[in-house]
N, C-alpha and C. Protein backbone atom coordinates (compact mmCIF):
# COMPACT_ATOMS: atom_id res chain seq x y z
N UNK A 1 0.85 -1.17 0.00
CA UNK A 1 0.00 0.00 0.00
C UNK A 1 0.90 1.24 0.00
N UNK A 2 0.52 2.22 -0.78
CA UNK A 2 1.29 3.47 -0.82
C UNK A 2 0.88 4.36 0.35
N UNK A 3 1.70 5.38 0.62
CA UNK A 3 1.37 6.32 1.70
C UNK A 3 0.07 7.06 1.40
N UNK A 4 -0.13 7.39 0.14
CA UNK A 4 -1.36 8.10 -0.23
C UNK A 4 -2.59 7.20 -0.03
N UNK A 5 -2.49 5.95 -0.42
CA UNK A 5 -3.60 5.00 -0.19
C UNK A 5 -3.87 4.86 1.31
N UNK A 6 -2.80 4.81 2.09
CA UNK A 6 -2.96 4.69 3.54
C UNK A 6 -3.66 5.92 4.10
N UNK A 7 -3.20 7.10 3.70
CA UNK A 7 -3.83 8.34 4.18
C UNK A 7 -5.32 8.38 3.82
N UNK A 8 -5.65 7.96 2.60
CA UNK A 8 -7.05 7.93 2.18
C UNK A 8 -7.85 6.95 3.04
N UNK A 9 -7.23 5.84 3.39
CA UNK A 9 -7.89 4.85 4.26
C UNK A 9 -8.15 5.47 5.64
N UNK A 10 -7.18 6.18 6.17
CA UNK A 10 -7.36 6.86 7.46
C UNK A 10 -8.51 7.87 7.36
N UNK A 11 -8.54 8.65 6.31
CA UNK A 11 -9.60 9.66 6.14
C UNK A 11 -10.97 9.01 5.98
N UNK A 12 -11.04 7.90 5.29
CA UNK A 12 -12.32 7.18 5.15
C UNK A 12 -12.81 6.69 6.51
N UNK A 13 -11.90 6.12 7.30
CA UNK A 13 -12.27 5.67 8.64
C UNK A 13 -12.65 6.86 9.51
N UNK A 14 -11.93 7.95 9.40
CA UNK A 14 -12.23 9.13 10.21
C UNK A 14 -13.66 9.61 9.93
N UNK A 15 -14.04 9.59 8.68
CA UNK A 15 -15.40 10.00 8.32
C UNK A 15 -16.43 9.07 8.94
N UNK A 16 -16.20 7.75 8.86
CA UNK A 16 -17.11 6.77 9.45
C UNK A 16 -17.25 6.97 10.95
N UNK A 17 -16.14 7.25 11.61
CA UNK A 17 -16.12 7.38 13.06
C UNK A 17 -16.61 8.76 13.51
N UNK A 18 -16.51 9.74 12.62
CA UNK A 18 -16.96 11.08 12.94
C UNK A 18 -15.91 11.92 13.64
N UNK A 19 -14.66 11.71 13.25
CA UNK A 19 -13.55 12.50 13.82
C UNK A 19 -12.78 13.18 12.69
N UNK A 20 -12.01 14.19 13.05
CA UNK A 20 -11.20 14.91 12.08
C UNK A 20 -9.78 15.06 12.60
N UNK A 21 -8.90 14.14 12.21
CA UNK A 21 -7.52 14.30 12.65
C UNK A 21 -6.93 15.58 12.07
N UNK A 22 -6.19 16.32 12.89
CA UNK A 22 -5.58 17.57 12.42
C UNK A 22 -4.39 17.28 11.50
N UNK A 23 -3.66 16.22 11.81
CA UNK A 23 -2.51 15.82 11.00
C UNK A 23 -2.45 14.30 10.97
N UNK A 24 -1.96 13.77 9.85
CA UNK A 24 -1.73 12.33 9.72
C UNK A 24 -0.27 12.16 9.33
N UNK A 25 0.47 11.47 10.17
CA UNK A 25 1.89 11.23 9.91
C UNK A 25 2.15 9.74 9.72
N UNK A 26 3.00 9.43 8.78
CA UNK A 26 3.47 8.06 8.58
C UNK A 26 4.98 8.13 8.69
N UNK A 27 5.52 7.46 9.71
CA UNK A 27 6.95 7.59 9.98
C UNK A 27 7.50 6.33 10.63
N UNK A 28 8.81 6.27 10.76
CA UNK A 28 9.44 5.17 11.47
C UNK A 28 9.10 5.27 12.94
N UNK A 29 8.71 4.16 13.50
CA UNK A 29 8.44 4.09 14.93
C UNK A 29 9.09 2.81 15.45
N UNK A 30 9.78 2.90 16.56
CA UNK A 30 10.51 1.74 17.07
C UNK A 30 9.63 0.76 17.83
N UNK A 31 8.70 1.27 18.63
CA UNK A 31 7.97 0.41 19.55
C UNK A 31 6.47 0.35 19.35
N UNK A 32 5.91 1.17 18.50
CA UNK A 32 4.46 1.27 18.39
C UNK A 32 4.01 1.15 16.93
N UNK A 33 2.77 0.76 16.77
CA UNK A 33 2.16 0.77 15.44
C UNK A 33 1.54 2.12 15.15
N UNK A 34 1.12 2.83 16.21
CA UNK A 34 0.51 4.13 16.02
C UNK A 34 0.42 4.89 17.31
N UNK A 35 0.09 6.17 17.19
CA UNK A 35 -0.11 7.00 18.37
C UNK A 35 -1.06 8.15 18.02
N UNK A 36 -1.63 8.73 19.06
CA UNK A 36 -2.56 9.84 18.90
C UNK A 36 -2.21 10.90 19.94
N UNK A 37 -2.02 12.13 19.49
CA UNK A 37 -1.68 13.20 20.42
C UNK A 37 -2.93 13.92 20.90
N UNK A 38 -2.79 14.65 21.98
CA UNK A 38 -3.92 15.42 22.51
C UNK A 38 -4.31 16.58 21.59
N UNK A 39 -3.44 16.91 20.64
CA UNK A 39 -3.73 18.01 19.70
C UNK A 39 -4.42 17.53 18.43
N UNK A 40 -4.67 16.22 18.33
CA UNK A 40 -5.38 15.69 17.17
C UNK A 40 -4.49 15.14 16.07
N UNK A 41 -3.21 14.98 16.36
CA UNK A 41 -2.29 14.40 15.38
C UNK A 41 -2.25 12.89 15.57
N UNK A 42 -2.45 12.15 14.48
CA UNK A 42 -2.30 10.70 14.53
C UNK A 42 -1.05 10.32 13.73
N UNK A 43 -0.27 9.43 14.30
CA UNK A 43 0.95 8.97 13.67
C UNK A 43 0.90 7.47 13.53
N UNK A 44 1.44 6.98 12.42
CA UNK A 44 1.43 5.55 12.16
C UNK A 44 2.82 5.09 11.75
N UNK A 45 3.16 3.90 12.17
CA UNK A 45 4.42 3.28 11.82
C UNK A 45 4.41 2.95 10.32
N UNK A 46 5.46 3.35 9.62
CA UNK A 46 5.50 3.12 8.17
C UNK A 46 5.51 1.63 7.82
N UNK A 47 5.86 0.77 8.76
CA UNK A 47 5.82 -0.68 8.51
C UNK A 47 4.40 -1.18 8.29
N UNK A 48 3.40 -0.41 8.71
CA UNK A 48 2.01 -0.80 8.48
C UNK A 48 1.69 -0.93 6.99
N UNK A 49 2.39 -0.16 6.17
CA UNK A 49 2.12 -0.17 4.73
C UNK A 49 2.33 -1.56 4.13
N UNK A 50 3.07 -2.40 4.82
CA UNK A 50 3.37 -3.75 4.33
C UNK A 50 2.48 -4.82 4.96
N UNK A 51 1.59 -4.43 5.85
CA UNK A 51 0.73 -5.39 6.56
C UNK A 51 -0.58 -5.60 5.80
N UNK A 52 -1.33 -6.62 6.21
CA UNK A 52 -2.62 -6.87 5.54
C UNK A 52 -3.66 -5.84 5.99
N UNK A 53 -4.68 -5.66 5.17
CA UNK A 53 -5.65 -4.59 5.39
C UNK A 53 -6.41 -4.72 6.70
N UNK A 54 -6.69 -5.94 7.13
CA UNK A 54 -7.41 -6.13 8.39
C UNK A 54 -6.60 -5.60 9.57
N UNK A 55 -5.31 -5.88 9.58
CA UNK A 55 -4.44 -5.38 10.65
C UNK A 55 -4.32 -3.86 10.56
N UNK A 56 -4.19 -3.35 9.37
CA UNK A 56 -4.10 -1.90 9.17
C UNK A 56 -5.35 -1.21 9.73
N UNK A 57 -6.53 -1.75 9.41
CA UNK A 57 -7.78 -1.18 9.92
C UNK A 57 -7.84 -1.24 11.45
N UNK A 58 -7.36 -2.32 12.02
CA UNK A 58 -7.32 -2.49 13.47
C UNK A 58 -6.56 -1.33 14.12
N UNK A 59 -5.41 -0.99 13.55
CA UNK A 59 -4.58 0.09 14.10
C UNK A 59 -5.19 1.46 13.82
N UNK A 60 -5.67 1.67 12.61
CA UNK A 60 -6.28 2.97 12.26
C UNK A 60 -7.46 3.27 13.17
N UNK A 61 -8.37 2.31 13.30
CA UNK A 61 -9.56 2.53 14.13
C UNK A 61 -9.16 2.79 15.58
N UNK A 62 -8.20 2.04 16.07
CA UNK A 62 -7.73 2.22 17.44
C UNK A 62 -7.26 3.66 17.67
N UNK A 63 -6.41 4.15 16.80
CA UNK A 63 -5.87 5.50 16.98
C UNK A 63 -6.93 6.58 16.78
N UNK A 64 -7.78 6.42 15.80
CA UNK A 64 -8.82 7.43 15.56
C UNK A 64 -9.82 7.49 16.70
N UNK A 65 -10.13 6.35 17.30
CA UNK A 65 -11.06 6.36 18.43
C UNK A 65 -10.48 7.14 19.61
N UNK A 66 -9.17 7.21 19.70
CA UNK A 66 -8.56 8.00 20.78
C UNK A 66 -8.83 9.50 20.61
N UNK A 67 -9.24 9.93 19.44
CA UNK A 67 -9.65 11.33 19.27
C UNK A 67 -10.96 11.61 20.00
N UNK A 68 -11.75 10.56 20.23
CA UNK A 68 -13.01 10.68 20.97
C UNK A 68 -12.89 10.19 22.40
N UNK A 69 -12.18 9.09 22.57
CA UNK A 69 -12.06 8.44 23.88
C UNK A 69 -10.58 8.34 24.24
N UNK A 70 -10.17 9.04 25.25
CA UNK A 70 -8.75 9.16 25.58
C UNK A 70 -8.14 7.90 26.18
N UNK A 71 -8.95 7.03 26.77
CA UNK A 71 -8.40 5.83 27.39
C UNK A 71 -9.01 4.57 26.75
N UNK A 72 -8.67 3.42 27.28
CA UNK A 72 -9.15 2.15 26.76
C UNK A 72 -10.31 1.61 27.61
N UNK A 73 -11.19 2.51 28.00
CA UNK A 73 -12.33 2.13 28.83
C UNK A 73 -13.36 1.31 28.06
N UNK A 74 -14.46 1.01 28.74
CA UNK A 74 -15.50 0.15 28.17
C UNK A 74 -16.09 0.73 26.88
N UNK A 75 -16.33 2.03 26.87
CA UNK A 75 -16.92 2.65 25.68
C UNK A 75 -15.96 2.59 24.49
N UNK A 76 -14.68 2.84 24.75
CA UNK A 76 -13.66 2.73 23.70
C UNK A 76 -13.68 1.32 23.11
N UNK A 77 -13.62 0.31 23.96
CA UNK A 77 -13.58 -1.08 23.51
C UNK A 77 -14.84 -1.47 22.75
N UNK A 78 -15.99 -1.02 23.24
CA UNK A 78 -17.26 -1.31 22.58
C UNK A 78 -17.29 -0.71 21.17
N UNK A 79 -16.91 0.56 21.06
CA UNK A 79 -16.94 1.22 19.75
C UNK A 79 -15.92 0.60 18.80
N UNK A 80 -14.77 0.23 19.32
CA UNK A 80 -13.74 -0.41 18.51
C UNK A 80 -14.27 -1.72 17.91
N UNK A 81 -14.92 -2.52 18.75
CA UNK A 81 -15.49 -3.78 18.28
C UNK A 81 -16.58 -3.54 17.24
N UNK A 82 -17.43 -2.56 17.50
CA UNK A 82 -18.53 -2.26 16.57
C UNK A 82 -17.97 -1.87 15.20
N UNK A 83 -17.04 -0.95 15.17
CA UNK A 83 -16.49 -0.51 13.88
C UNK A 83 -15.77 -1.63 13.15
N UNK A 84 -15.01 -2.41 13.85
CA UNK A 84 -14.25 -3.47 13.18
C UNK A 84 -15.13 -4.63 12.75
N UNK A 85 -16.22 -4.88 13.46
CA UNK A 85 -17.13 -5.95 13.04
C UNK A 85 -18.01 -5.53 11.88
N UNK A 86 -18.19 -4.21 11.70
CA UNK A 86 -19.00 -3.70 10.59
C UNK A 86 -18.20 -3.61 9.29
N UNK A 87 -16.87 -3.60 9.37
CA UNK A 87 -16.06 -3.38 8.18
C UNK A 87 -15.94 -4.63 7.33
């Protein structure tokens, strides 16, 4: 997957979830697949571009949901399951 295809995938998920990331970064990351800042920036490990789409969606949805839910509480987990089971 190209970086542009990945960014489009993030934007498509963002629309479904109802969030608007301020920035989308794809970069080298040593320990994480993705991260979300309090300012609305989502970052993704560039190694994701080589993974299968199901895993990519798992990470994208996880990070985008943090724009709405800051922790991994019950509501976060419920919404994560709902979005991934609908895809």
